[in-house]
């Protein structure tokens, strides 16, 4: 199922992962190791699952992999919100917060469209 043409969600999730890597480095500089670890795992997992979905064995498998990516994106947004709300943590950039919200919306749309296509 892989298509090597430009793929918006593959590119977006990769950009999110790069920004997560940068932000978790910043967290580590502030000695916020537990948060950095949680955020690194969930934030980089989004793109890994999106990429994995590109080689799905079936439409059902494709949807499943995107559902995992959606869960990881929601978890990432939670950790970022916690950092943003806590006085003792550095705040993520507005660009990172916007990109994670966009990622969640795009993944949700892909899941919805894929479900409609499989059941119609």
N, C-alpha and C. Protein backbone atom coordinates (compact mmCIF):
# COMPACT_ATOMS: atom_id res chain seq x y z
N UNK A 1 0.81 -1.20 0.00
CA UNK A 1 0.00 0.00 0.00
C UNK A 1 0.85 1.27 0.00
N UNK A 2 2.15 1.12 0.12
CA UNK A 2 3.02 2.29 0.23
C UNK A 2 3.00 3.11 -1.06
N UNK A 3 2.91 4.41 -0.88
CA UNK A 3 2.91 5.34 -1.99
C UNK A 3 3.99 6.38 -1.69
N UNK A 4 5.03 6.42 -2.50
CA UNK A 4 6.16 7.30 -2.23
C UNK A 4 5.95 8.75 -2.69
N UNK A 5 4.78 9.06 -3.20
CA UNK A 5 4.49 10.46 -3.52
C UNK A 5 4.33 11.23 -2.22
N UNK A 6 4.27 12.54 -2.33
CA UNK A 6 4.10 13.40 -1.15
C UNK A 6 2.89 12.92 -0.34
N UNK A 7 3.12 12.75 0.95
CA UNK A 7 2.07 12.27 1.84
C UNK A 7 2.02 13.21 3.04
N UNK A 8 0.97 14.02 3.12
CA UNK A 8 0.88 15.08 4.11
C UNK A 8 1.03 14.57 5.54
N UNK A 9 0.33 13.51 5.91
CA UNK A 9 0.37 13.04 7.30
C UNK A 9 1.72 12.41 7.63
N UNK A 10 2.35 11.76 6.69
CA UNK A 10 3.70 11.23 6.92
C UNK A 10 4.65 12.39 7.19
N UNK A 11 4.57 13.42 6.37
CA UNK A 11 5.44 14.59 6.55
C UNK A 11 5.13 15.32 7.86
N UNK A 12 3.85 15.53 8.14
CA UNK A 12 3.46 16.25 9.36
C UNK A 12 3.89 15.50 10.61
N UNK A 13 3.66 14.20 10.65
CA UNK A 13 4.03 13.43 11.84
C UNK A 13 5.55 13.38 12.01
N UNK A 14 6.29 13.42 10.92
CA UNK A 14 7.75 13.48 11.00
C UNK A 14 8.20 14.82 11.58
N UNK A 15 7.55 15.90 11.12
CA UNK A 15 7.87 17.24 11.65
C UNK A 15 7.54 17.33 13.14
N UNK A 16 6.44 16.73 13.55
CA UNK A 16 6.09 16.69 14.97
C UNK A 16 7.18 15.95 15.74
N UNK A 17 7.62 14.82 15.23
CA UNK A 17 8.65 14.03 15.91
C UNK A 17 9.94 14.84 16.07
N UNK A 18 10.32 15.57 15.04
CA UNK A 18 11.53 16.41 15.14
C UNK A 18 11.38 17.48 16.21
N UNK A 19 10.21 18.09 16.28
CA UNK A 19 9.96 19.12 17.29
C UNK A 19 9.92 18.50 18.69
N UNK A 20 9.40 17.29 18.79
CA UNK A 20 9.37 16.58 20.07
C UNK A 20 10.79 16.27 20.53
N UNK A 21 11.63 15.83 19.61
CA UNK A 21 13.03 15.55 19.95
C UNK A 21 13.68 16.82 20.51
N UNK A 22 13.46 17.94 19.84
CA UNK A 22 14.04 19.20 20.31
C UNK A 22 13.50 19.60 21.69
N UNK A 23 12.18 19.47 21.87
CA UNK A 23 11.59 19.88 23.14
C UNK A 23 12.01 18.95 24.27
N UNK A 24 12.13 17.67 24.01
CA UNK A 24 12.55 16.76 25.08
C UNK A 24 14.01 17.00 25.46
N UNK A 25 14.82 17.45 24.54
CA UNK A 25 16.19 17.86 24.88
C UNK A 25 16.15 19.04 25.84
N UNK A 26 15.26 19.97 25.57
CA UNK A 26 15.09 21.12 26.45
C UNK A 26 14.63 20.66 27.84
N UNK A 27 13.69 19.73 27.89
CA UNK A 27 13.23 19.19 29.18
C UNK A 27 14.39 18.54 29.94
N UNK A 28 15.22 17.82 29.24
CA UNK A 28 16.37 17.16 29.89
C UNK A 28 17.34 18.19 30.45
N UNK A 29 17.51 19.31 29.77
CA UNK A 29 18.37 20.37 30.29
C UNK A 29 17.83 20.92 31.60
N UNK A 30 16.51 20.88 31.76
CA UNK A 30 15.87 21.32 33.00
C UNK A 30 15.75 20.16 34.01
N UNK A 31 16.35 19.03 33.66
CA UNK A 31 16.36 17.83 34.51
C UNK A 31 14.94 17.27 34.73
N UNK A 32 14.12 17.39 33.75
CA UNK A 32 12.75 16.85 33.77
C UNK A 32 12.75 15.54 32.98
N UNK A 33 13.51 14.58 33.48
CA UNK A 33 13.78 13.35 32.74
C UNK A 33 12.55 12.47 32.53
N UNK A 34 11.72 12.34 33.55
CA UNK A 34 10.53 11.47 33.42
C UNK A 34 9.59 12.00 32.35
N UNK A 35 9.34 13.31 32.39
CA UNK A 35 8.46 13.92 31.39
C UNK A 35 9.09 13.81 30.00
N UNK A 36 10.38 14.06 29.93
CA UNK A 36 11.07 13.97 28.63
C UNK A 36 10.93 12.57 28.05
N UNK A 37 11.07 11.57 28.89
CA UNK A 37 10.97 10.19 28.43
C UNK A 37 9.56 9.86 27.94
N UNK A 38 8.56 10.23 28.72
CA UNK A 38 7.16 9.98 28.33
C UNK A 38 6.83 10.67 27.01
N UNK A 39 7.21 11.92 26.93
CA UNK A 39 6.90 12.72 25.75
C UNK A 39 7.66 12.23 24.52
N UNK A 40 8.91 11.85 24.70
CA UNK A 40 9.70 11.33 23.59
C UNK A 40 9.06 10.07 23.01
N UNK A 41 8.65 9.16 23.90
CA UNK A 41 8.06 7.90 23.44
C UNK A 41 6.76 8.12 22.68
N UNK A 42 5.84 8.88 23.27
CA UNK A 42 4.54 9.07 22.62
C UNK A 42 4.67 9.95 21.37
N UNK A 43 5.48 11.00 21.45
CA UNK A 43 5.59 11.94 20.34
C UNK A 43 6.26 11.39 19.11
N UNK A 44 7.24 10.51 19.29
CA UNK A 44 7.89 9.91 18.13
C UNK A 44 7.14 8.69 17.62
N UNK A 45 6.32 8.10 18.47
CA UNK A 45 5.54 6.93 18.08
C UNK A 45 4.44 7.27 17.07
N UNK A 46 3.97 8.50 17.09
CA UNK A 46 2.92 8.91 16.14
C UNK A 46 3.39 8.65 14.72
N UNK A 47 4.52 9.22 14.37
CA UNK A 47 5.05 9.08 13.01
C UNK A 47 5.43 7.65 12.67
N UNK A 48 5.94 6.92 13.68
CA UNK A 48 6.30 5.52 13.43
C UNK A 48 5.06 4.72 13.05
N UNK A 49 3.95 4.95 13.74
CA UNK A 49 2.71 4.23 13.42
C UNK A 49 2.11 4.68 12.09
N UNK A 50 2.21 5.97 11.80
CA UNK A 50 1.73 6.47 10.50
C UNK A 50 2.54 5.83 9.37
N UNK A 51 3.86 5.77 9.55
CA UNK A 51 4.71 5.14 8.53
C UNK A 51 4.39 3.65 8.39
N UNK A 52 4.18 3.01 9.52
CA UNK A 52 3.84 1.58 9.49
C UNK A 52 2.53 1.35 8.74
N UNK A 53 1.59 2.26 8.90
CA UNK A 53 0.30 2.14 8.21
C UNK A 53 0.45 2.20 6.70
N UNK A 54 1.50 2.83 6.22
CA UNK A 54 1.72 2.94 4.77
C UNK A 54 1.98 1.58 4.13
N UNK A 55 2.36 0.62 4.95
CA UNK A 55 2.60 -0.75 4.46
C UNK A 55 1.62 -1.74 5.07
N UNK A 56 0.45 -1.26 5.42
CA UNK A 56 -0.55 -2.13 6.05
C UNK A 56 -0.91 -3.30 5.15
N UNK A 57 -1.26 -4.40 5.81
CA UNK A 57 -1.62 -5.61 5.08
C UNK A 57 -3.05 -5.58 4.54
N UNK A 58 -3.88 -4.73 5.13
CA UNK A 58 -5.27 -4.62 4.71
C UNK A 58 -5.80 -3.26 5.15
N UNK A 59 -6.99 -2.92 4.70
CA UNK A 59 -7.64 -1.68 5.14
C UNK A 59 -7.88 -1.69 6.64
N UNK A 60 -8.26 -2.85 7.17
CA UNK A 60 -8.48 -2.98 8.61
C UNK A 60 -7.18 -2.74 9.37
N UNK A 61 -6.10 -3.29 8.89
CA UNK A 61 -4.79 -3.09 9.51
C UNK A 61 -4.39 -1.62 9.42
N UNK A 62 -4.65 -0.98 8.29
CA UNK A 62 -4.37 0.43 8.09
C UNK A 62 -5.10 1.27 9.14
N UNK A 63 -6.39 1.00 9.31
CA UNK A 63 -7.19 1.74 10.30
C UNK A 63 -6.66 1.49 11.70
N UNK A 64 -6.33 0.25 12.02
CA UNK A 64 -5.80 -0.07 13.34
C UNK A 64 -4.52 0.71 13.64
N UNK A 65 -3.61 0.77 12.68
CA UNK A 65 -2.35 1.48 12.89
C UNK A 65 -2.59 2.98 13.07
N UNK A 66 -3.56 3.51 12.36
CA UNK A 66 -3.89 4.93 12.54
C UNK A 66 -4.59 5.16 13.88
N UNK A 67 -5.34 4.20 14.36
CA UNK A 67 -5.94 4.34 15.69
C UNK A 67 -4.86 4.37 16.77
N UNK A 68 -3.82 3.57 16.61
CA UNK A 68 -2.69 3.59 17.55
C UNK A 68 -2.01 4.96 17.47
N UNK A 69 -1.80 5.47 16.26
CA UNK A 69 -1.20 6.80 16.09
C UNK A 69 -2.06 7.87 16.75
N UNK A 70 -3.37 7.73 16.65
CA UNK A 70 -4.29 8.70 17.28
C UNK A 70 -4.14 8.68 18.80
N UNK A 71 -4.05 7.50 19.38
CA UNK A 71 -3.87 7.39 20.83
C UNK A 71 -2.56 8.04 21.26
N UNK A 72 -1.50 7.79 20.50
CA UNK A 72 -0.20 8.38 20.83
C UNK A 72 -0.24 9.90 20.68
N UNK A 73 -0.95 10.40 19.69
CA UNK A 73 -1.07 11.84 19.49
C UNK A 73 -1.84 12.49 20.65
N UNK A 74 -2.90 11.83 21.09
CA UNK A 74 -3.66 12.36 22.23
C UNK A 74 -2.81 12.36 23.49
N UNK A 75 -2.04 11.30 23.70
CA UNK A 75 -1.16 11.23 24.86
C UNK A 75 -0.11 12.34 24.79
N UNK A 76 0.44 12.56 23.61
CA UNK A 76 1.45 13.61 23.42
C UNK A 76 0.86 14.98 23.73
N UNK A 77 -0.35 15.22 23.24
CA UNK A 77 -1.00 16.50 23.53
C UNK A 77 -1.20 16.68 25.04
N UNK A 78 -1.53 15.61 25.74
CA UNK A 78 -1.70 15.67 27.19
C UNK A 78 -0.39 16.08 27.87
N UNK A 79 0.72 15.41 27.53
CA UNK A 79 2.01 15.75 28.15
C UNK A 79 2.41 17.18 27.84
N UNK A 80 2.19 17.61 26.61
CA UNK A 80 2.52 18.99 26.24
C UNK A 80 1.66 19.98 27.02
N UNK A 81 0.38 19.67 27.20
CA UNK A 81 -0.51 20.53 27.98
C UNK A 81 -0.07 20.62 29.43
N UNK A 82 0.37 19.50 29.97
CA UNK A 82 0.88 19.49 31.34
C UNK A 82 2.11 20.40 31.47
N UNK A 83 3.03 20.27 30.54
CA UNK A 83 4.22 21.14 30.55
C UNK A 83 3.82 22.60 30.44
N UNK A 84 2.89 22.87 29.56
CA UNK A 84 2.44 24.24 29.32
C UNK A 84 1.78 24.83 30.56
N UNK A 85 1.07 24.01 31.33
CA UNK A 85 0.33 24.50 32.50
C UNK A 85 1.18 24.56 33.77
N UNK A 86 2.29 23.87 33.78
CA UNK A 86 3.12 23.79 34.98
C UNK A 86 4.14 24.93 35.03
N UNK A 87 4.19 25.59 36.16
CA UNK A 87 5.13 26.70 36.33
C UNK A 87 6.57 26.22 36.39
N UNK A 88 6.79 24.96 36.74
CA UNK A 88 8.15 24.47 36.90
C UNK A 88 8.70 23.76 35.66
N UNK A 89 7.95 23.78 34.58
CA UNK A 89 8.39 23.15 33.33
C UNK A 89 8.49 24.19 32.23
N UNK A 90 9.41 23.99 31.29
CA UNK A 90 9.42 24.89 30.13
C UNK A 90 8.17 24.64 29.29
N UNK A 91 7.69 25.67 28.65
CA UNK A 91 6.50 25.54 27.80
C UNK A 91 6.89 25.15 26.38
N UNK A 92 6.12 24.26 25.77
CA UNK A 92 6.38 23.93 24.37
C UNK A 92 6.06 25.14 23.48
N UNK A 93 6.65 25.19 22.33
CA UNK A 93 6.40 26.30 21.40
C UNK A 93 4.96 26.25 20.91
N UNK A 94 4.45 27.40 20.54
CA UNK A 94 3.09 27.45 19.98
C UNK A 94 3.03 26.66 18.68
N UNK A 95 4.14 26.62 17.94
CA UNK A 95 4.19 25.85 16.70
C UNK A 95 4.02 24.35 16.98
N UNK A 96 4.69 23.85 18.02
CA UNK A 96 4.54 22.44 18.37
C UNK A 96 3.12 22.14 18.81
N UNK A 97 2.54 23.00 19.62
CA UNK A 97 1.15 22.79 20.08
C UNK A 97 0.18 22.80 18.89
N UNK A 98 0.40 23.70 17.95
CA UNK A 98 -0.46 23.77 16.77
C UNK A 98 -0.28 22.53 15.90
N UNK A 99 0.96 22.07 15.73
CA UNK A 99 1.22 20.90 14.89
C UNK A 99 0.61 19.63 15.49
N UNK A 100 0.65 19.48 16.81
CA UNK A 100 0.05 18.28 17.40
C UNK A 100 -1.47 18.31 17.25
N UNK A 101 -2.07 19.49 17.38
CA UNK A 101 -3.52 19.61 17.17
C UNK A 101 -3.88 19.28 15.72
N UNK A 102 -3.10 19.80 14.79
CA UNK A 102 -3.34 19.50 13.36
C UNK A 102 -3.18 18.02 13.08
N UNK A 103 -2.18 17.41 13.68
CA UNK A 103 -1.94 15.98 13.50
C UNK A 103 -3.14 15.17 13.98
N UNK A 104 -3.66 15.52 15.15
CA UNK A 104 -4.83 14.82 15.69
C UNK A 104 -6.01 14.95 14.74
N UNK A 105 -6.24 16.15 14.22
CA UNK A 105 -7.37 16.36 13.30
C UNK A 105 -7.21 15.56 12.01
N UNK A 106 -6.01 15.57 11.45
CA UNK A 106 -5.78 14.85 10.19
C UNK A 106 -5.91 13.35 10.39
N UNK A 107 -5.33 12.83 11.46
CA UNK A 107 -5.44 11.40 11.75
C UNK A 107 -6.90 10.99 11.94
N UNK A 108 -7.64 11.82 12.67
CA UNK A 108 -9.06 11.54 12.90
C UNK A 108 -9.83 11.50 11.57
N UNK A 109 -9.52 12.42 10.70
CA UNK A 109 -10.18 12.47 9.39
C UNK A 109 -9.82 11.23 8.56
N UNK A 110 -8.56 10.83 8.60
CA UNK A 110 -8.12 9.64 7.85
C UNK A 110 -8.84 8.39 8.36
N UNK A 111 -8.95 8.26 9.67
CA UNK A 111 -9.65 7.11 10.26
C UNK A 111 -11.12 7.11 9.82
N UNK A 112 -11.77 8.26 9.94
CA UNK A 112 -13.18 8.36 9.56
C UNK A 112 -13.41 8.03 8.09
N UNK A 113 -12.61 8.59 7.23
CA UNK A 113 -12.74 8.33 5.79
C UNK A 113 -12.46 6.88 5.47
N UNK A 114 -11.44 6.32 6.10
CA UNK A 114 -11.10 4.92 5.85
C UNK A 114 -12.21 3.99 6.30
N UNK A 115 -12.82 4.29 7.44
CA UNK A 115 -13.94 3.46 7.94
C UNK A 115 -15.11 3.54 6.99
N UNK A 116 -15.42 4.73 6.50
CA UNK A 116 -16.53 4.88 5.56
C UNK A 116 -16.25 4.09 4.27
N UNK A 117 -15.02 4.15 3.80
CA UNK A 117 -14.65 3.45 2.56
C UNK A 117 -14.68 1.94 2.70
N UNK A 118 -14.35 1.44 3.89
CA UNK A 118 -14.32 -0.01 4.08
C UNK A 118 -15.73 -0.57 4.27
N UNK A 119 -16.61 0.22 4.84
CA UNK A 119 -17.96 -0.28 5.15
C UNK A 119 -18.99 0.11 4.11
N UNK A 120 -18.58 0.84 3.09
CA UNK A 120 -19.52 1.22 2.03
C UNK A 120 -19.22 0.50 0.75
